[in-house]
Amino acid sequence: MPQFVIERDMPGVGGLSPDQLKDASQGSCNVLRQLGPDIQWVHSYVTDDKIYCVYRAPSEELIRRHAEMAGFPANSIARICATIDPTTAD
């Protein structure tokens, strides 16, 4: 299944408490359950003012639908073409 990286502009998000992040995660998971098994949240990186999320989904449209239903921005969505890391250099 294709993977996508989603950039979410959320000023101050890095200052949220663990409980607030848990609530946001639970809200996202609730919407994922409603949308069914075709969309999966892999993980996210929280920075000061943005969240970068990796999802598996058949289309960008389904990711946008999740964002709308969950109440999260999806400022940019890009399909991941490849993954590299230090072992790629070997």
PDB file of N, CA and C in Angstrom:
ATOM      1  N   MET A   1       0.852  -1.180   0.000  1.00  0.00           N
ATOM      2  CA  MET A   1       0.000   0.000   0.000  1.00  0.00           C
ATOM      3  C   MET A   1       0.894   1.238   0.000  1.00  0.00           C
ATOM      4  N   PRO A   2       0.522   2.272  -0.740  1.00  0.00           N
ATOM      5  CA  PRO A   2       1.332   3.492  -0.752  1.00  0.00           C
ATOM      6  C   PRO A   2       1.440   4.111   0.641  1.00  0.00           C
ATOM      7  N   GLN A   3       2.580   4.757   0.877  1.00  0.00           N
ATOM      8  CA  GLN A   3       2.775   5.510   2.119  1.00  0.00           C
ATOM      9  C   GLN A   3       2.863   6.995   1.780  1.00  0.00           C
ATOM     10  N   PHE A   4       2.414   7.803   2.721  1.00  0.00           N
ATOM     11  CA  PHE A   4       2.406   9.252   2.551  1.00  0.00           C
ATOM     12  C   PHE A   4       2.960   9.907   3.804  1.00  0.00           C
ATOM     13  N   VAL A   5       3.568  11.082   3.626  1.00  0.00           N
ATOM     14  CA  VAL A   5       3.954  11.910   4.766  1.00  0.00           C
ATOM     15  C   VAL A   5       3.052  13.147   4.731  1.00  0.00           C
ATOM     16  N   ILE A   6       2.475  13.445   5.880  1.00  0.00           N
ATOM     17  CA  ILE A   6       1.547  14.572   6.015  1.00  0.00           C
ATOM     18  C   ILE A   6       2.189  15.615   6.910  1.00  0.00           C
ATOM     19  N   GLU A   7       2.187  16.848   6.454  1.00  0.00           N
ATOM     20  CA  GLU A   7       2.693  17.960   7.252  1.00  0.00           C
ATOM     21  C   GLU A   7       1.484  18.719   7.793  1.00  0.00           C
ATOM     22  N   ARG A   8       1.442  18.850   9.116  1.00  0.00           N
ATOM     23  CA  ARG A   8       0.339  19.539   9.766  1.00  0.00           C
ATOM     24  C   ARG A   8       0.879  20.773  10.505  1.00  0.00           C
ATOM     25  N   ASP A   9       0.490  21.953  10.055  1.00  0.00           N
ATOM     26  CA  ASP A   9       0.870  23.187  10.746  1.00  0.00           C
ATOM     27  C   ASP A   9      -0.026  23.344  11.966  1.00  0.00           C
ATOM     28  N   MET A  10       0.579  23.264  13.149  1.00  0.00           N
ATOM     29  CA  MET A  10      -0.172  23.353  14.402  1.00  0.00           C
ATOM     30  C   MET A  10       0.661  24.147  15.406  1.00  0.00           C
ATOM     31  N   PRO A  11       0.620  25.486  15.330  1.00  0.00           N
ATOM     32  CA  PRO A  11       1.442  26.317  16.207  1.00  0.00           C
ATOM     33  C   PRO A  11       1.308  25.924  17.680  1.00  0.00           C
ATOM     34  N   GLY A  12       2.460  25.729  18.319  1.00  0.00           N
ATOM     35  CA  GLY A  12       2.502  25.411  19.740  1.00  0.00           C
ATOM     36  C   GLY A  12       2.301  23.945  20.081  1.00  0.00           C
ATOM     37  N   VAL A  13       2.137  23.091  19.080  1.00  0.00           N
ATOM     38  CA  VAL A  13       1.835  21.680  19.352  1.00  0.00           C
ATOM     39  C   VAL A  13       2.922  20.999  20.178  1.00  0.00           C
ATOM     40  N   GLY A  14       4.164  21.443  20.034  1.00  0.00           N
ATOM     41  CA  GLY A  14       5.258  20.838  20.795  1.00  0.00           C
ATOM     42  C   GLY A  14       5.134  21.076  22.295  1.00  0.00           C
ATOM     43  N   GLY A  15       4.313  22.027  22.683  1.00  0.00           N
ATOM     44  CA  GLY A  15       4.116  22.323  24.096  1.00  0.00           C
ATOM     45  C   GLY A  15       2.941  21.590  24.725  1.00  0.00           C
ATOM     46  N   LEU A  16       2.277  20.730  23.952  1.00  0.00           N
ATOM     47  CA  LEU A  16       1.148  19.992  24.514  1.00  0.00           C
ATOM     48  C   LEU A  16       1.630  18.976  25.541  1.00  0.00           C
ATOM     49  N   SER A  17       0.805  18.736  26.515  1.00  0.00           N
ATOM     50  CA  SER A  17       1.141  17.762  27.546  1.00  0.00           C
ATOM     51  C   SER A  17       0.963  16.341  26.989  1.00  0.00           C
ATOM     52  N   PRO A  18       1.547  15.352  27.672  1.00  0.00           N
ATOM     53  CA  PRO A  18       1.324  13.963  27.252  1.00  0.00           C
ATOM     54  C   PRO A  18      -0.164  13.595  27.199  1.00  0.00           C
ATOM     55  N   ASP A  19      -0.949  14.097  28.128  1.00  0.00           N
ATOM     56  CA  ASP A  19      -2.390  13.808  28.122  1.00  0.00           C
ATOM     57  C   ASP A  19      -3.084  14.428  26.907  1.00  0.00           C
ATOM     58  N   GLN A  20      -2.676  15.639  26.545  1.00  0.00           N
ATOM     59  CA  GLN A  20      -3.263  16.280  25.370  1.00  0.00           C
ATOM     60  C   GLN A  20      -2.879  15.535  24.089  1.00  0.00           C
ATOM     61  N   LEU A  21      -1.644  15.073  24.002  1.00  0.00           N
ATOM     62  CA  LEU A  21      -1.218  14.285  22.842  1.00  0.00           C
ATOM     63  C   LEU A  21      -1.963  12.952  22.797  1.00  0.00           C
ATOM     64  N   LYS A  22      -2.194  12.367  23.956  1.00  0.00           N
ATOM     65  CA  LYS A  22      -2.954  11.118  24.029  1.00  0.00           C
ATOM     66  C   LYS A  22      -4.375  11.337  23.522  1.00  0.00           C
ATOM     67  N   ASP A  23      -5.008  12.436  23.942  1.00  0.00           N
ATOM     68  CA  ASP A  23      -6.366  12.745  23.490  1.00  0.00           C
ATOM     69  C   ASP A  23      -6.410  12.909  21.970  1.00  0.00           C
ATOM     70  N   ALA A  24      -5.425  13.608  21.410  1.00  0.00           N
ATOM     71  CA  ALA A  24      -5.366  13.803  19.955  1.00  0.00           C
ATOM     72  C   ALA A  24      -5.189  12.456  19.258  1.00  0.00           C
ATOM     73  N   SER A  25      -4.337  11.616  19.806  1.00  0.00           N
ATOM     74  CA  SER A  25      -4.105  10.285  19.227  1.00  0.00           C
ATOM     75  C   SER A  25      -5.368   9.452  19.268  1.00  0.00           C
ATOM     76  N   GLN A  26      -6.085   9.503  20.378  1.00  0.00           N
ATOM     77  CA  GLN A  26      -7.319   8.736  20.499  1.00  0.00           C
ATOM     78  C   GLN A  26      -8.366   9.223  19.499  1.00  0.00           C
ATOM     79  N   GLY A  27      -8.443  10.531  19.314  1.00  0.00           N
ATOM     80  CA  GLY A  27      -9.380  11.078  18.329  1.00  0.00           C
ATOM     81  C   GLY A  27      -9.054  10.600  16.925  1.00  0.00           C
ATOM     82  N   SER A  28      -7.764  10.603  16.595  1.00  0.00           N
ATOM     83  CA  SER A  28      -7.337  10.123  15.287  1.00  0.00           C
ATOM     84  C   SER A  28      -7.678   8.646  15.114  1.00  0.00           C
ATOM     85  N   CYS A  29      -7.402   7.851  16.116  1.00  0.00           N
ATOM     86  CA  CYS A  29      -7.677   6.408  16.044  1.00  0.00           C
ATOM     87  C   CYS A  29      -9.167   6.128  15.918  1.00  0.00           C
ATOM     88  N   ASN A  30      -9.995   6.913  16.573  1.00  0.00           N
ATOM     89  CA  ASN A  30     -11.447   6.736  16.452  1.00  0.00           C
ATOM     90  C   ASN A  30     -11.907   6.940  15.016  1.00  0.00           C
ATOM     91  N   VAL A  31     -11.363   7.962  14.359  1.00  0.00           N
ATOM     92  CA  VAL A  31     -11.716   8.218  12.960  1.00  0.00           C
ATOM     93  C   VAL A  31     -11.171   7.108  12.070  1.00  0.00           C
ATOM     94  N   LEU A  32      -9.952   6.646  12.341  1.00  0.00           N
ATOM     95  CA  LEU A  32      -9.392   5.543  11.552  1.00  0.00           C
ATOM     96  C   LEU A  32     -10.294   4.311  11.618  1.00  0.00           C
ATOM     97  N   ARG A  33     -10.817   4.007  12.782  1.00  0.00           N
ATOM     98  CA  ARG A  33     -11.720   2.860  12.928  1.00  0.00           C
ATOM     99  C   ARG A  33     -12.982   3.053  12.079  1.00  0.00           C
ATOM    100  N   GLN A  34     -13.472   4.283  12.032  1.00  0.00           N
ATOM    101  CA  GLN A  34     -14.664   4.572  11.218  1.00  0.00           C
ATOM    102  C   GLN A  34     -14.375   4.393   9.724  1.00  0.00           C
ATOM    103  N   LEU A  35     -13.168   4.759   9.311  1.00  0.00           N
ATOM    104  CA  LEU A  35     -12.816   4.700   7.889  1.00  0.00           C
ATOM    105  C   LEU A  35     -12.462   3.292   7.427  1.00  0.00           C
ATOM    106  N   GLY A  36     -12.142   2.414   8.345  1.00  0.00           N
ATOM    107  CA  GLY A  36     -11.857   1.030   7.982  1.00  0.00           C
ATOM    108  C   GLY A  36     -10.388   0.742   7.765  1.00  0.00           C
ATOM    109  N   PRO A  37     -10.086  -0.474   7.345  1.00  0.00           N
ATOM    110  CA  PRO A  37      -8.700  -0.955   7.297  1.00  0.00           C
ATOM    111  C   PRO A  37      -7.854  -0.423   6.137  1.00  0.00           C
ATOM    112  N   ASP A  38      -8.439   0.353   5.239  1.00  0.00           N
ATOM    113  CA  ASP A  38      -7.665   0.845   4.093  1.00  0.00           C
ATOM    114  C   ASP A  38      -6.722   1.984   4.442  1.00  0.00           C
ATOM    115  N   ILE A  39      -6.829   2.541   5.630  1.00  0.00           N
ATOM    116  CA  ILE A  39      -5.939   3.629   6.042  1.00  0.00           C
ATOM    117  C   ILE A  39      -5.321   3.263   7.386  1.00  0.00           C
ATOM    118  N   GLN A  40      -4.006   3.452   7.470  1.00  0.00           N
ATOM    119  CA  GLN A  40      -3.275   3.112   8.690  1.00  0.00           C
ATOM    120  C   GLN A  40      -2.337   4.255   9.059  1.00  0.00           C
ATOM    121  N   TRP A  41      -2.312   4.584  10.325  1.00  0.00           N
ATOM    122  CA  TRP A  41      -1.367   5.569  10.859  1.00  0.00           C
ATOM    123  C   TRP A  41      -0.132   4.784  11.294  1.00  0.00           C
ATOM    124  N   VAL A  42       1.033   5.150  10.764  1.00  0.00           N
ATOM    125  CA  VAL A  42       2.278   4.453  11.100  1.00  0.00           C
ATOM    126  C   VAL A  42       2.919   5.091  12.328  1.00  0.00           C
ATOM    127  N   HIS A  43       3.217   6.382  12.253  1.00  0.00           N
ATOM    128  CA  HIS A  43       3.761   7.134  13.384  1.00  0.00           C
ATOM    129  C   HIS A  43       3.815   8.614  13.016  1.00  0.00           C
ATOM    130  N   SER A  44       4.124   9.441  14.011  1.00  0.00           N
ATOM    131  CA  SER A  44       4.210  10.889  13.797  1.00  0.00           C
ATOM    132  C   SER A  44       5.379  11.459  14.572  1.00  0.00           C
ATOM    133  N   TYR A  45       5.880  12.572  14.067  1.00  0.00           N
ATOM    134  CA  TYR A  45       6.944  13.335  14.724  1.00  0.00           C
ATOM    135  C   TYR A  45       6.359  14.687  15.116  1.00  0.00           C
ATOM    136  N   VAL A  46       6.448  15.024  16.379  1.00  0.00           N
ATOM    137  CA  VAL A  46       5.926  16.295  16.882  1.00  0.00           C
ATOM    138  C   VAL A  46       7.096  17.248  17.056  1.00  0.00           C
ATOM    139  N   THR A  47       7.009  18.424  16.424  1.00  0.00           N
ATOM    140  CA  THR A  47       8.012  19.470  16.584  1.00  0.00           C
ATOM    141  C   THR A  47       7.331  20.659  17.265  1.00  0.00           C
ATOM    142  N   ASP A  48       8.024  21.766  17.395  1.00  0.00           N
ATOM    143  CA  ASP A  48       7.448  22.923  18.085  1.00  0.00           C
ATOM    144  C   ASP A  48       6.097  23.340  17.500  1.00  0.00           C
ATOM    145  N   ASP A  49       6.036  23.447  16.168  1.00  0.00           N
ATOM    146  CA  ASP A  49       4.850  24.012  15.530  1.00  0.00           C
ATOM    147  C   ASP A  49       4.241  23.147  14.432  1.00  0.00           C
ATOM    148  N   LYS A  50       4.704  21.914  14.316  1.00  0.00           N
ATOM    149  CA  LYS A  50       4.181  21.036  13.269  1.00  0.00           C
ATOM    150  C   LYS A  50       4.175  19.594  13.744  1.00  0.00           C
ATOM    151  N   ILE A  51       3.341  18.817  13.101  1.00  0.00           N
ATOM    152  CA  ILE A  51       3.374  17.367  13.252  1.00  0.00           C
ATOM    153  C   ILE A  51       3.575  16.787  11.856  1.00  0.00           C
ATOM    154  N   TYR A  52       4.504  15.852  11.742  1.00  0.00           N
ATOM    155  CA  TYR A  52       4.761  15.137  10.493  1.00  0.00           C
ATOM    156  C   TYR A  52       4.301  13.698  10.711  1.00  0.00           C
ATOM    157  N   CYS A  53       3.332  13.260   9.930  1.00  0.00           N
ATOM    158  CA  CYS A  53       2.737  11.937  10.114  1.00  0.00           C
ATOM    159  C   CYS A  53       3.017  11.059   8.901  1.00  0.00           C
ATOM    160  N   VAL A  54       3.239   9.789   9.162  1.00  0.00           N
ATOM    161  CA  VAL A  54       3.376   8.807   8.094  1.00  0.00           C
ATOM    162  C   VAL A  54       2.148   7.907   8.140  1.00  0.00           C
ATOM    163  N   TYR A  55       1.480   7.800   6.995  1.00  0.00           N
ATOM    164  CA  TYR A  55       0.278   6.987   6.856  1.00  0.00           C
ATOM    165  C   TYR A  55       0.407   6.050   5.667  1.00  0.00           C
ATOM    166  N   ARG A  56      -0.298   4.943   5.740  1.00  0.00           N
ATOM    167  CA  ARG A  56      -0.482   4.051   4.600  1.00  0.00           C
ATOM    168  C   ARG A  56      -1.939   4.191   4.169  1.00  0.00           C
ATOM    169  N   ALA A  57      -2.146   4.419   2.885  1.00  0.00           N
ATOM    170  CA  ALA A  57      -3.502   4.572   2.360  1.00  0.00           C
ATOM    171  C   ALA A  57      -3.460   4.404   0.843  1.00  0.00           C
ATOM    172  N   PRO A  58      -4.578   4.028   0.255  1.00  0.00           N
ATOM    173  CA  PRO A  58      -4.598   3.875  -1.192  1.00  0.00           C
ATOM    174  C   PRO A  58      -4.589   5.209  -1.950  1.00  0.00           C
ATOM    175  N   SER A  59      -4.962   6.297  -1.251  1.00  0.00           N
ATOM    176  CA  SER A  59      -5.045   7.580  -1.952  1.00  0.00           C
ATOM    177  C   SER A  59      -4.869   8.750  -0.992  1.00  0.00           C
ATOM    178  N   GLU A  60      -4.460   9.868  -1.574  1.00  0.00           N
ATOM    179  CA  GLU A  60      -4.368  11.123  -0.823  1.00  0.00           C
ATOM    180  C   GLU A  60      -5.755  11.567  -0.369  1.00  0.00           C
ATOM    181  N   GLU A  61      -6.751  11.287  -1.175  1.00  0.00           N
ATOM    182  CA  GLU A  61      -8.123  11.681  -0.849  1.00  0.00           C
ATOM    183  C   GLU A  61      -8.584  11.078   0.483  1.00  0.00           C
ATOM    184  N   LEU A  62      -8.247   9.811   0.727  1.00  0.00           N
ATOM    185  CA  LEU A  62      -8.644   9.172   1.984  1.00  0.00           C
ATOM    186  C   LEU A  62      -7.930   9.815   3.175  1.00  0.00           C
ATOM    187  N   ILE A  63      -6.684  10.214   2.982  1.00  0.00           N
ATOM    188  CA  ILE A  63      -5.948  10.904   4.048  1.00  0.00           C
ATOM    189  C   ILE A  63      -6.593  12.254   4.339  1.00  0.00           C
ATOM    190  N   ARG A  64      -6.984  12.967   3.299  1.00  0.00           N
ATOM    191  CA  ARG A  64      -7.658  14.264   3.503  1.00  0.00           C
ATOM    192  C   ARG A  64      -8.997  14.070   4.240  1.00  0.00           C
ATOM    193  N   ARG A  65      -9.695  13.015   3.895  1.00  0.00           N
ATOM    194  CA  ARG A  65     -10.967  12.735   4.574  1.00  0.00           C
ATOM    195  C   ARG A  65     -10.734  12.483   6.062  1.00  0.00           C
ATOM    196  N   HIS A  66      -9.700  11.711   6.385  1.00  0.00           N
ATOM    197  CA  HIS A  66      -9.367  11.471   7.793  1.00  0.00           C
ATOM    198  C   HIS A  66      -9.083  12.784   8.507  1.00  0.00           C
ATOM    199  N   ALA A  67      -8.270  13.644   7.890  1.00  0.00           N
ATOM    200  CA  ALA A  67      -7.903  14.923   8.507  1.00  0.00           C
ATOM    201  C   ALA A  67      -9.149  15.768   8.783  1.00  0.00           C
ATOM    202  N   GLU A  68     -10.053  15.823   7.810  1.00  0.00           N
ATOM    203  CA  GLU A  68     -11.277  16.613   7.981  1.00  0.00           C
ATOM    204  C   GLU A  68     -12.136  16.057   9.111  1.00  0.00           C
ATOM    205  N   MET A  69     -12.315  14.749   9.123  1.00  0.00           N
ATOM    206  CA  MET A  69     -13.160  14.127  10.147  1.00  0.00           C
ATOM    207  C   MET A  69     -12.549  14.255  11.539  1.00  0.00           C
ATOM    208  N   ALA A  70     -11.213  14.179  11.627  1.00  0.00           N
ATOM    209  CA  ALA A  70     -10.535  14.252  12.924  1.00  0.00           C
ATOM    210  C   ALA A  70     -10.312  15.690  13.378  1.00  0.00           C
ATOM    211  N   GLY A  71     -10.472  16.650  12.476  1.00  0.00           N
ATOM    212  CA  GLY A  71     -10.279  18.056  12.826  1.00  0.00           C
ATOM    213  C   GLY A  71      -8.821  18.486  12.855  1.00  0.00           C
ATOM    214  N   PHE A  72      -7.977  17.777  12.087  1.00  0.00           N
ATOM    215  CA  PHE A  72      -6.559  18.129  12.002  1.00  0.00           C
ATOM    216  C   PHE A  72      -6.269  18.750  10.643  1.00  0.00           C
ATOM    217  N   PRO A  73      -5.343  19.708  10.579  1.00  0.00           N
ATOM    218  CA  PRO A  73      -4.957  20.225   9.269  1.00  0.00           C
ATOM    219  C   PRO A  73      -4.129  19.182   8.520  1.00  0.00           C
ATOM    220  N   ALA A  74      -4.158  19.264   7.212  1.00  0.00           N
ATOM    221  CA  ALA A  74      -3.269  18.467   6.356  1.00  0.00           C
ATOM    222  C   ALA A  74      -2.722  19.446   5.324  1.00  0.00           C
ATOM    223  N   ASN A  75      -1.736  20.246   5.752  1.00  0.00           N
ATOM    224  CA  ASN A  75      -1.234  21.322   4.916  1.00  0.00           C
ATOM    225  C   ASN A  75      -0.521  20.828   3.668  1.00  0.00           C
ATOM    226  N   SER A  76       0.153  19.707   3.780  1.00  0.00           N
ATOM    227  CA  SER A  76       0.715  19.079   2.584  1.00  0.00           C
ATOM    228  C   SER A  76       0.729  17.575   2.782  1.00  0.00           C
ATOM    229  N   ILE A  77       0.519  16.885   1.676  1.00  0.00           N
ATOM    230  CA  ILE A  77       0.545  15.423   1.662  1.00  0.00           C
ATOM    231  C   ILE A  77       1.416  15.013   0.483  1.00  0.00           C
ATOM    232  N   ALA A  78       2.424  14.196   0.755  1.00  0.00           N
ATOM    233  CA  ALA A  78       3.327  13.754  -0.309  1.00  0.00           C
ATOM    234  C   ALA A  78       3.477  12.236  -0.246  1.00  0.00           C
ATOM    235  N   ARG A  79       3.383  11.622  -1.409  1.00  0.00           N
ATOM    236  CA  ARG A  79       3.588  10.171  -1.477  1.00  0.00           C
ATOM    237  C   ARG A  79       5.073   9.870  -1.294  1.00  0.00           C
ATOM    238  N   ILE A  80       5.367   8.887  -0.473  1.00  0.00           N
ATOM    239  CA  ILE A  80       6.758   8.485  -0.224  1.00  0.00           C
ATOM    240  C   ILE A  80       7.189   7.562  -1.362  1.00  0.00           C
ATOM    241  N   CYS A  81       8.273   7.937  -2.032  1.00  0.00           N
ATOM    242  CA  CYS A  81       8.784   7.163  -3.160  1.00  0.00           C
ATOM    243  C   CYS A  81       9.785   6.098  -2.716  1.00  0.00           C
ATOM    244  N   ALA A  82      10.556   6.410  -1.687  1.00  0.00           N
ATOM    245  CA  ALA A  82      11.580   5.488  -1.204  1.00  0.00           C
ATOM    246  C   ALA A  82      11.959   5.891   0.206  1.00  0.00           C
ATOM    247  N   THR A  83      12.556   4.965   0.910  1.00  0.00           N
ATOM    248  CA  THR A  83      13.081   5.230   2.244  1.00  0.00           C
ATOM    249  C   THR A  83      14.572   4.923   2.219  1.00  0.00           C
ATOM    250  N   ILE A  84      15.363   5.849   2.762  1.00  0.00           N
ATOM    251  CA  ILE A  84      16.803   5.618   2.850  1.00  0.00           C
ATOM    252  C   ILE A  84      17.254   5.843   4.281  1.00  0.00           C
ATOM    253  N   ASP A  85      18.352   5.231   4.635  1.00  0.00           N
ATOM    254  CA  ASP A  85      18.964   5.402   5.937  1.00  0.00           C
ATOM    255  C   ASP A  85      20.457   5.087   5.787  1.00  0.00           C
ATOM    256  N   PRO A  86      21.232   5.129   6.864  1.00  0.00           N
ATOM    257  CA  PRO A  86      22.672   4.890   6.725  1.00  0.00           C
ATOM    258  C   PRO A  86      23.021   3.564   6.054  1.00  0.00           C
ATOM    259  N   THR A  87      22.152   2.558   6.188  1.00  0.00           N
ATOM    260  CA  THR A  87      22.481   1.272   5.561  1.00  0.00           C
ATOM    261  C   THR A  87      22.359   1.332   4.037  1.00  0.00           C
ATOM    262  N   THR A  88      21.662   2.339   3.514  1.00  0.00           N
ATOM    263  CA  THR A  88      21.555   2.511   2.068  1.00  0.00           C
ATOM    264  C   THR A  88      22.929   2.767   1.456  1.00  0.00           C
ATOM    265  N   ALA A  89      23.822   3.366   2.217  1.00  0.00           N
ATOM    266  CA  ALA A  89      25.163   3.694   1.718  1.00  0.00           C
ATOM    267  C   ALA A  89      26.053   2.465   1.583  1.00  0.00           C
ATOM    268  N   ASP A  90      25.695   1.374   2.225  1.00  0.00           N
ATOM    269  CA  ASP A  90      26.522   0.156   2.174  1.00  0.00           C
ATOM    270  C   ASP A  90      26.382  -0.574   0.875  1.00  0.00           C
TER     271      ASP A  90
END
